[in-house]
Amino acid sequence: MARVRSPDRVDFSILSTGVVIVRKYDHIAEIGHDDLLSSDEKPAGFDTEKALTWCEAHGYVVHRWPGGARAWKAERPWPIRTRSQIKRLRERVETEVRAWCQAHPGQRTESNRMGLDFALDY
């Protein structure tokens, strides 16, 4: 029986409903174009932290942020986006944060999305 190879990258997206989308990828050399192996929907209550702890114990580098996480099977993570994709994502987040600040004058945003590394996270 052939052993199934571990994915090179695993993405965890936690939806507002608590459902977790888990996407597994094979790494290819071209930035921003890893091959999707599978996409699974886990029910609300899925223990994402337990899955991330397993990843870390099995040699994955894990990055966490509110609403998601990403695990790479490597000593050093590789970028998942091209420069133009990073620029567009940063502009979108800046627009969203500005809109929130205008709608909530005098309040501080709880979002830390501006501090994310858009090449690796989010």
C-alpha atoms as a PDB file:
ATOM      1  CA  MET A   1       0.000   0.000   0.000  1.00  0.00           C
ATOM      2  CA  ALA A   2       1.482   3.334  -1.072  1.00  0.00           C
ATOM      3  CA  ARG A   3       1.864   6.003   1.564  1.00  0.00           C
ATOM      4  CA  VAL A   4      -0.007   9.224   0.850  1.00  0.00           C
ATOM      5  CA  ARG A   5       2.336  12.206   0.677  1.00  0.00           C
ATOM      6  CA  SER A   6       1.616  15.161   2.971  1.00  0.00           C
ATOM      7  CA  PRO A   7       0.580  18.392   1.253  1.00  0.00           C
ATOM      8  CA  ASP A   8       3.189  21.126   0.983  1.00  0.00           C
ATOM      9  CA  ARG A   9       0.795  23.791   2.256  1.00  0.00           C
ATOM     10  CA  VAL A  10      -2.478  23.749   4.211  1.00  0.00           C
ATOM     11  CA  ASP A  11      -4.759  26.796   4.490  1.00  0.00           C
ATOM     12  CA  PHE A  12      -7.412  27.157   7.211  1.00  0.00           C
ATOM     13  CA  SER A  13     -10.192  29.730   6.709  1.00  0.00           C
ATOM     14  CA  ILE A  14     -12.617  30.139   9.619  1.00  0.00           C
ATOM     15  CA  LEU A  15     -15.944  31.537   8.424  1.00  0.00           C
ATOM     16  CA  SER A  16     -18.198  33.742  10.563  1.00  0.00           C
ATOM     17  CA  THR A  17     -20.503  30.703  11.003  1.00  0.00           C
ATOM     18  CA  GLY A  18     -17.662  28.746  12.624  1.00  0.00           C
ATOM     19  CA  VAL A  19     -17.302  26.439   9.616  1.00  0.00           C
ATOM     20  CA  VAL A  20     -13.651  25.860   8.671  1.00  0.00           C
ATOM     21  CA  ILE A  21     -12.493  25.513   5.069  1.00  0.00           C
ATOM     22  CA  VAL A  22      -9.299  23.445   4.814  1.00  0.00           C
ATOM     23  CA  ARG A  23      -7.430  23.634   1.508  1.00  0.00           C
ATOM     24  CA  LYS A  24      -4.368  21.493   0.797  1.00  0.00           C
ATOM     25  CA  TYR A  25      -1.798  22.364  -1.864  1.00  0.00           C
ATOM     26  CA  ASP A  26       1.257  21.003  -3.645  1.00  0.00           C
ATOM     27  CA  HIS A  27       4.008  23.579  -4.070  1.00  0.00           C
ATOM     28  CA  ILE A  28       5.221  24.452  -7.533  1.00  0.00           C
ATOM     29  CA  ALA A  29       8.036  26.841  -8.363  1.00  0.00           C
ATOM     30  CA  GLU A  30       5.860  29.667  -9.730  1.00  0.00           C
ATOM     31  CA  ILE A  31       4.798  32.111  -6.996  1.00  0.00           C
ATOM     32  CA  GLY A  32       1.045  32.354  -6.541  1.00  0.00           C
ATOM     33  CA  HIS A  33       0.259  29.155  -8.421  1.00  0.00           C
ATOM     34  CA  ASP A  34       0.405  26.217  -6.002  1.00  0.00           C
ATOM     35  CA  ASP A  35      -1.747  23.264  -7.117  1.00  0.00           C
ATOM     36  CA  LEU A  36      -4.920  22.710  -5.083  1.00  0.00           C
ATOM     37  CA  LEU A  37      -5.093  19.058  -4.004  1.00  0.00           C
ATOM     38  CA  SER A  38      -8.300  19.202  -1.975  1.00  0.00           C
ATOM     39  CA  SER A  39     -10.763  21.531  -0.313  1.00  0.00           C
ATOM     40  CA  ASP A  40     -12.790  20.288   2.647  1.00  0.00           C
ATOM     41  CA  GLU A  41     -15.483  21.955   4.719  1.00  0.00           C
ATOM     42  CA  LYS A  42     -15.257  21.140   8.426  1.00  0.00           C
ATOM     43  CA  PRO A  43     -18.261  21.751  10.688  1.00  0.00           C
ATOM     44  CA  ALA A  44     -18.507  24.533  13.240  1.00  0.00           C
ATOM     45  CA  GLY A  45     -16.636  23.394  16.327  1.00  0.00           C
ATOM     46  CA  PHE A  46     -13.786  21.828  14.328  1.00  0.00           C
ATOM     47  CA  ASP A  47     -10.657  22.120  16.479  1.00  0.00           C
ATOM     48  CA  THR A  48      -8.440  24.216  14.206  1.00  0.00           C
ATOM     49  CA  GLU A  49      -5.835  24.691  16.929  1.00  0.00           C
ATOM     50  CA  LYS A  50      -5.482  20.922  17.334  1.00  0.00           C
ATOM     51  CA  ALA A  51      -4.928  20.589  13.570  1.00  0.00           C
ATOM     52  CA  LEU A  52      -2.332  23.396  13.629  1.00  0.00           C
ATOM     53  CA  THR A  53      -0.541  21.787  16.580  1.00  0.00           C
ATOM     54  CA  TRP A  54      -0.409  18.534  14.585  1.00  0.00           C
ATOM     55  CA  CYS A  55       1.066  20.447  11.639  1.00  0.00           C
ATOM     56  CA  GLU A  56       3.770  21.990  13.853  1.00  0.00           C
ATOM     57  CA  ALA A  57       4.591  18.589  15.356  1.00  0.00           C
ATOM     58  CA  HIS A  58       5.041  17.183  11.842  1.00  0.00           C
ATOM     59  CA  GLY A  59       7.494  19.784  10.562  1.00  0.00           C
ATOM     60  CA  TYR A  60       5.187  22.490   9.251  1.00  0.00           C
ATOM     61  CA  VAL A  61       5.805  26.205   9.833  1.00  0.00           C
ATOM     62  CA  VAL A  62       2.486  27.738  10.948  1.00  0.00           C
ATOM     63  CA  HIS A  63       1.278  31.340  10.682  1.00  0.00           C
ATOM     64  CA  ARG A  64      -1.939  32.294  12.508  1.00  0.00           C
ATOM     65  CA  TRP A  65      -4.175  35.365  12.225  1.00  0.00           C
ATOM     66  CA  PRO A  66      -7.758  36.120  13.275  1.00  0.00           C
ATOM     67  CA  GLY A  67     -10.030  34.016  11.089  1.00  0.00           C
ATOM     68  CA  GLY A  68      -7.371  31.787   9.596  1.00  0.00           C
ATOM     69  CA  ALA A  69      -3.996  30.132   9.479  1.00  0.00           C
ATOM     70  CA  ARG A  70      -1.558  28.662   7.006  1.00  0.00           C
ATOM     71  CA  ALA A  71       0.935  25.812   7.393  1.00  0.00           C
ATOM     72  CA  TRP A  72       3.924  25.170   5.110  1.00  0.00           C
ATOM     73  CA  LYS A  73       5.908  21.939   5.062  1.00  0.00           C
ATOM     74  CA  ALA A  74       9.244  23.709   4.857  1.00  0.00           C
ATOM     75  CA  GLU A  75      11.884  25.328   7.024  1.00  0.00           C
ATOM     76  CA  ARG A  76      10.932  28.672   5.517  1.00  0.00           C
ATOM     77  CA  PRO A  77       7.513  29.618   4.083  1.00  0.00           C
ATOM     78  CA  TRP A  78       7.324  30.648   0.439  1.00  0.00           C
ATOM     79  CA  PRO A  79       5.179  33.507  -0.910  1.00  0.00           C
ATOM     80  CA  ILE A  80       1.712  32.507  -2.066  1.00  0.00           C
ATOM     81  CA  ARG A  81       1.067  35.735  -4.003  1.00  0.00           C
ATOM     82  CA  THR A  82       2.773  37.677  -6.763  1.00  0.00           C
ATOM     83  CA  ARG A  83       3.723  41.346  -6.301  1.00  0.00           C
ATOM     84  CA  SER A  84       0.646  42.533  -8.180  1.00  0.00           C
ATOM     85  CA  GLN A  85      -1.624  40.267  -6.097  1.00  0.00           C
ATOM     86  CA  ILE A  86      -0.051  41.626  -2.893  1.00  0.00           C
ATOM     87  CA  LYS A  87      -0.523  45.212  -4.077  1.00  0.00           C
ATOM     88  CA  ARG A  88      -4.212  44.644  -4.946  1.00  0.00           C
ATOM     89  CA  LEU A  89      -4.877  42.892  -1.620  1.00  0.00           C
ATOM     90  CA  ARG A  90      -3.144  45.625   0.387  1.00  0.00           C
ATOM     91  CA  GLU A  91      -5.168  48.304  -1.462  1.00  0.00           C
ATOM     92  CA  ARG A  92      -8.407  46.405  -0.785  1.00  0.00           C
ATOM     93  CA  VAL A  93      -7.620  46.066   2.933  1.00  0.00           C
ATOM     94  CA  GLU A  94      -6.589  49.739   3.183  1.00  0.00           C
ATOM     95  CA  THR A  95      -9.906  50.745   1.574  1.00  0.00           C
ATOM     96  CA  GLU A  96     -11.876  48.504   3.967  1.00  0.00           C
ATOM     97  CA  VAL A  97     -10.042  49.860   7.026  1.00  0.00           C
ATOM     98  CA  ARG A  98     -10.530  53.491   5.888  1.00  0.00           C
ATOM     99  CA  ALA A  99     -14.257  52.856   5.312  1.00  0.00           C
ATOM    100  CA  TRP A 100     -14.592  51.298   8.760  1.00  0.00           C
ATOM    101  CA  CYS A 101     -12.786  54.235  10.385  1.00  0.00           C
ATOM    102  CA  GLN A 102     -15.027  56.748   8.582  1.00  0.00           C
ATOM    103  CA  ALA A 103     -18.142  54.832   9.680  1.00  0.00           C
ATOM    104  CA  HIS A 104     -16.908  54.673  13.291  1.00  0.00           C
ATOM    105  CA  PRO A 105     -15.293  58.064  14.020  1.00  0.00           C
ATOM    106  CA  GLY A 106     -13.297  58.237  17.216  1.00  0.00           C
ATOM    107  CA  GLN A 107     -13.172  54.445  17.592  1.00  0.00           C
ATOM    108  CA  ARG A 108     -10.064  52.369  17.134  1.00  0.00           C
ATOM    109  CA  THR A 109     -10.261  49.502  14.717  1.00  0.00           C
ATOM    110  CA  GLU A 110      -9.735  46.092  16.232  1.00  0.00           C
ATOM    111  CA  SER A 111      -8.409  44.851  12.905  1.00  0.00           C
ATOM    112  CA  ASN A 112      -4.739  44.036  12.711  1.00  0.00           C
ATOM    113  CA  ARG A 113      -4.923  43.190   9.007  1.00  0.00           C
ATOM    114  CA  MET A 114      -2.646  46.090   8.081  1.00  0.00           C
ATOM    115  CA  GLY A 115       0.210  44.382   9.919  1.00  0.00           C
ATOM    116  CA  LEU A 116      -0.131  41.104   8.007  1.00  0.00           C
ATOM    117  CA  ASP A 117       2.480  39.885   5.593  1.00  0.00           C
ATOM    118  CA  PHE A 118       0.336  39.756   2.450  1.00  0.00           C
ATOM    119  CA  ALA A 119       2.934  37.587   0.686  1.00  0.00           C
ATOM    120  CA  LEU A 120       2.384  34.811   3.245  1.00  0.00           C
ATOM    121  CA  ASP A 121      -0.770  35.468   5.279  1.00  0.00           C
ATOM    122  CA  TYR A 122      -4.458  36.330   5.038  1.00  0.00           C
END
